[in-house]
Amino acid sequence: GYTGGKTNTVIMRTVDVFYAFPAVLLAIALSGALGAGIGNALLSLTLVFVPQVARIAESVTAQVRHMDYIDAARATGASALTIIRVQVLGNVLGPIFVFSTGLISVCMILASGLSFLGLGVRPPEPEWGLMLNTLRTAIYTQPWVAALPGLMIFITSISFNIL
C-alpha cells in the first residue's frame, strides 16, 4: 500500500476476488475442502477474513502515505523501510486492530456454525456449536439446556463487540 504500483494493484484485485463470495459460504467451502478439525476451521476462517483486513490496511496506508510527517521523514533522509516501519506501521496498526477486534465476534459465530454443521471441531473437544448440534434432540424435552450454548455464543460475541 505504501509504494502503490502494479504489485499493489495485483494484490488488491486478488483480494477483490474473495469479496465475490459471502464469508459464510467461503468458510463452509474451505472447511469442507480441508476437512473437519479445529486447525482446518481456523485456517478457513483466517483465509476468509484476511482480505477484509488487507483492504483496511491498504486503505489506511494510502491515506497515511500522503501525510506531511511522511514527507518530513523523507526530507530528513530516512529510507523507505524506516519510514514504513516507524511512521506508516505506527499509524496503520490502530485502525487494523480496531477492525480486527470487531471481527472476533463474527469469527466466533462462524466457527460455531462450522462446528454445528460438522465441519469444525470434532468430539470430544468442547465447542459451543458442537454442543448445539449435540443438544438438538433435547429441544423438545429440555429447551433451556439446548439454549445455553447459543446464549453463551450470543453473550460472548456481544461482549467482544462492546469491548
Protein backbone atom coordinates (compact mmCIF):
# COMPACT_ATOMS: atom_id res chain seq x y z
CA GLY A 1 0.00 0.00 0.00
CA TYR A 2 2.87 2.38 0.65
CA THR A 3 4.61 2.04 -2.69
CA GLY A 4 1.47 1.55 -4.80
CA GLY A 5 2.07 0.49 -8.38
CA LYS A 6 1.37 -2.78 -10.13
CA THR A 7 2.14 -5.01 -7.15
CA ASN A 8 -0.43 -3.21 -5.02
CA THR A 9 -2.98 -3.39 -7.83
CA VAL A 10 -2.48 -7.14 -8.30
CA ILE A 11 -2.78 -7.81 -4.57
CA MET A 12 -5.91 -5.71 -4.20
CA ARG A 13 -7.59 -7.27 -7.27
CA THR A 14 -6.85 -10.70 -5.79
CA VAL A 15 -8.46 -9.54 -2.54
CA ASP A 16 -11.46 -8.34 -4.54
CA VAL A 17 -11.99 -11.88 -5.85
CA PHE A 18 -12.58 -13.04 -2.27
CA TYR A 19 -15.26 -10.35 -1.88
CA ALA A 20 -17.28 -12.04 -4.62
CA PHE A 21 -18.20 -14.83 -2.20
CA PRO A 22 -20.14 -14.44 1.05
CA ALA A 23 -17.95 -15.12 4.09
CA VAL A 24 -20.19 -17.93 5.37
CA LEU A 25 -20.25 -19.73 2.03
CA LEU A 26 -16.50 -19.37 1.60
CA ALA A 27 -15.83 -20.66 5.13
CA ILE A 28 -18.08 -23.68 4.55
CA ALA A 29 -16.43 -24.43 1.20
CA LEU A 30 -12.91 -24.13 2.59
CA SER A 31 -13.70 -26.21 5.68
CA GLY A 32 -15.39 -28.82 3.53
CA ALA A 33 -12.36 -28.99 1.23
CA LEU A 34 -9.84 -29.08 4.08
CA GLY A 35 -11.83 -31.47 6.26
CA ALA A 36 -13.15 -31.28 9.80
CA GLY A 37 -10.93 -30.29 12.69
CA ILE A 38 -10.09 -27.23 14.70
CA GLY A 39 -6.91 -26.46 12.73
CA ASN A 40 -8.70 -26.56 9.40
CA ALA A 41 -11.59 -24.47 10.75
CA LEU A 42 -9.16 -21.83 12.00
CA LEU A 43 -7.32 -21.87 8.67
CA SER A 44 -10.55 -21.45 6.71
CA LEU A 45 -11.72 -18.58 8.94
CA THR A 46 -8.33 -16.91 8.59
CA LEU A 47 -8.48 -17.18 4.81
CA VAL A 48 -11.99 -15.76 4.81
CA PHE A 49 -11.12 -12.65 6.85
CA VAL A 50 -7.59 -11.84 5.63
CA PRO A 51 -8.93 -10.00 2.54
CA GLN A 52 -11.03 -7.69 4.71
CA VAL A 53 -8.09 -6.83 6.94
CA ALA A 54 -5.88 -6.37 3.87
CA ARG A 55 -8.41 -3.95 2.39
CA ILE A 56 -8.46 -1.88 5.60
CA ALA A 57 -4.66 -1.91 5.82
CA GLU A 58 -4.27 -0.78 2.21
CA SER A 59 -6.88 1.95 2.60
CA VAL A 60 -5.32 3.40 5.76
CA THR A 61 -1.81 3.11 4.32
CA ALA A 62 -2.88 5.00 1.20
CA GLN A 63 -4.15 7.81 3.43
CA VAL A 64 -1.05 7.86 5.63
CA ARG A 65 1.49 7.91 2.80
CA HIS A 66 0.33 11.40 1.76
CA MET A 67 0.68 12.95 5.21
CA ASP A 68 3.14 15.72 5.98
CA TYR A 69 5.14 13.70 8.52
CA ILE A 70 5.95 11.14 5.79
CA ASP A 71 7.32 13.94 3.61
CA ALA A 72 9.26 15.26 6.59
CA ALA A 73 10.78 11.84 7.24
CA ARG A 74 11.76 11.59 3.56
CA ALA A 75 13.32 15.05 3.73
CA THR A 76 15.48 14.02 6.69
CA GLY A 77 16.93 11.20 4.61
CA ALA A 78 15.08 8.26 6.13
CA SER A 79 14.96 5.16 3.96
CA ALA A 80 11.67 3.77 2.68
CA LEU A 81 11.99 0.79 5.04
CA THR A 82 12.48 3.07 8.04
CA ILE A 83 9.52 5.22 7.04
CA ILE A 84 7.33 2.13 6.66
CA ARG A 85 8.50 0.62 9.95
CA VAL A 86 8.34 3.75 12.09
CA GLN A 87 5.88 6.20 10.55
CA VAL A 88 3.46 4.14 8.49
CA LEU A 89 3.18 0.99 10.60
CA GLY A 90 2.78 3.00 13.79
CA ASN A 91 -0.19 4.84 12.34
CA VAL A 92 -1.78 1.94 10.49
CA LEU A 93 -1.85 -0.65 13.27
CA GLY A 94 -4.51 1.19 15.32
CA PRO A 95 -7.30 1.01 12.74
CA ILE A 96 -6.32 -2.55 11.84
CA PHE A 97 -6.58 -3.67 15.48
CA VAL A 98 -9.92 -1.91 15.92
CA PHE A 99 -11.34 -3.57 12.80
CA SER A 100 -9.89 -6.96 13.72
CA THR A 101 -11.39 -6.78 17.20
CA GLY A 102 -14.78 -6.32 15.58
CA LEU A 103 -14.21 -9.48 13.56
CA ILE A 104 -13.70 -11.63 16.67
CA SER A 105 -17.43 -11.99 17.31
CA VAL A 106 -18.12 -12.78 13.65
CA CYS A 107 -15.37 -15.43 13.70
CA MET A 108 -16.85 -16.97 16.85
CA ILE A 109 -20.27 -17.23 15.27
CA LEU A 110 -18.85 -18.69 12.03
CA ALA A 111 -16.70 -21.18 13.96
CA SER A 112 -19.74 -22.27 15.94
CA GLY A 113 -21.72 -22.62 12.73
CA LEU A 114 -18.98 -24.75 11.17
CA SER A 115 -18.93 -26.99 14.23
CA PHE A 116 -22.72 -27.22 14.19
CA LEU A 117 -22.55 -28.43 10.58
CA GLY A 118 -19.82 -30.96 11.43
CA LEU A 119 -17.05 -29.04 9.63
CA GLY A 120 -15.33 -27.59 12.69
CA VAL A 121 -14.30 -29.12 15.96
CA ARG A 122 -14.69 -32.87 16.35
CA PRO A 123 -15.92 -34.60 19.51
CA PRO A 124 -14.76 -34.88 22.30
CA GLU A 125 -13.38 -31.32 22.10
CA PRO A 126 -15.76 -28.81 23.70
CA GLU A 127 -17.18 -26.13 21.40
CA TRP A 128 -20.50 -24.30 21.61
CA GLY A 129 -21.57 -25.04 18.04
CA LEU A 130 -20.88 -28.74 18.57
CA MET A 131 -22.84 -28.60 21.83
CA LEU A 132 -25.79 -27.04 19.99
CA ASN A 133 -25.68 -29.82 17.43
CA THR A 134 -25.50 -32.48 20.13
CA LEU A 135 -28.39 -30.96 22.09
CA ARG A 136 -30.76 -30.63 19.11
CA THR A 137 -32.74 -33.65 20.26
CA ALA A 138 -33.20 -32.15 23.75
CA ILE A 139 -35.07 -29.09 22.44
CA TYR A 140 -38.46 -30.78 22.92
CA THR A 141 -37.80 -32.17 26.40
CA GLN A 142 -35.43 -29.64 28.00
CA PRO A 143 -35.24 -26.50 25.84
CA TRP A 144 -33.27 -24.47 28.41
CA VAL A 145 -30.38 -26.94 28.25
CA ALA A 146 -30.23 -26.71 24.47
CA ALA A 147 -30.41 -22.90 24.62
CA LEU A 148 -27.41 -22.48 26.95
CA PRO A 149 -24.65 -22.88 24.32
CA GLY A 150 -26.48 -20.49 21.99
CA LEU A 151 -26.87 -17.99 24.84
CA MET A 152 -23.16 -18.21 25.63
CA ILE A 153 -22.26 -17.62 21.97
CA PHE A 154 -24.53 -14.57 21.99
CA ILE A 155 -23.19 -13.15 25.28
CA THR A 156 -19.55 -13.65 24.32
CA SER A 157 -19.95 -12.13 20.85
CA ILE A 158 -21.82 -9.13 22.26
CA SER A 159 -19.10 -8.73 24.91
CA PHE A 160 -16.39 -8.58 22.25
CA ASN A 161 -18.40 -6.02 20.28
CA ILE A 162 -18.83 -3.85 23.37
CA LEU A 163 -15.16 -4.25 24.26
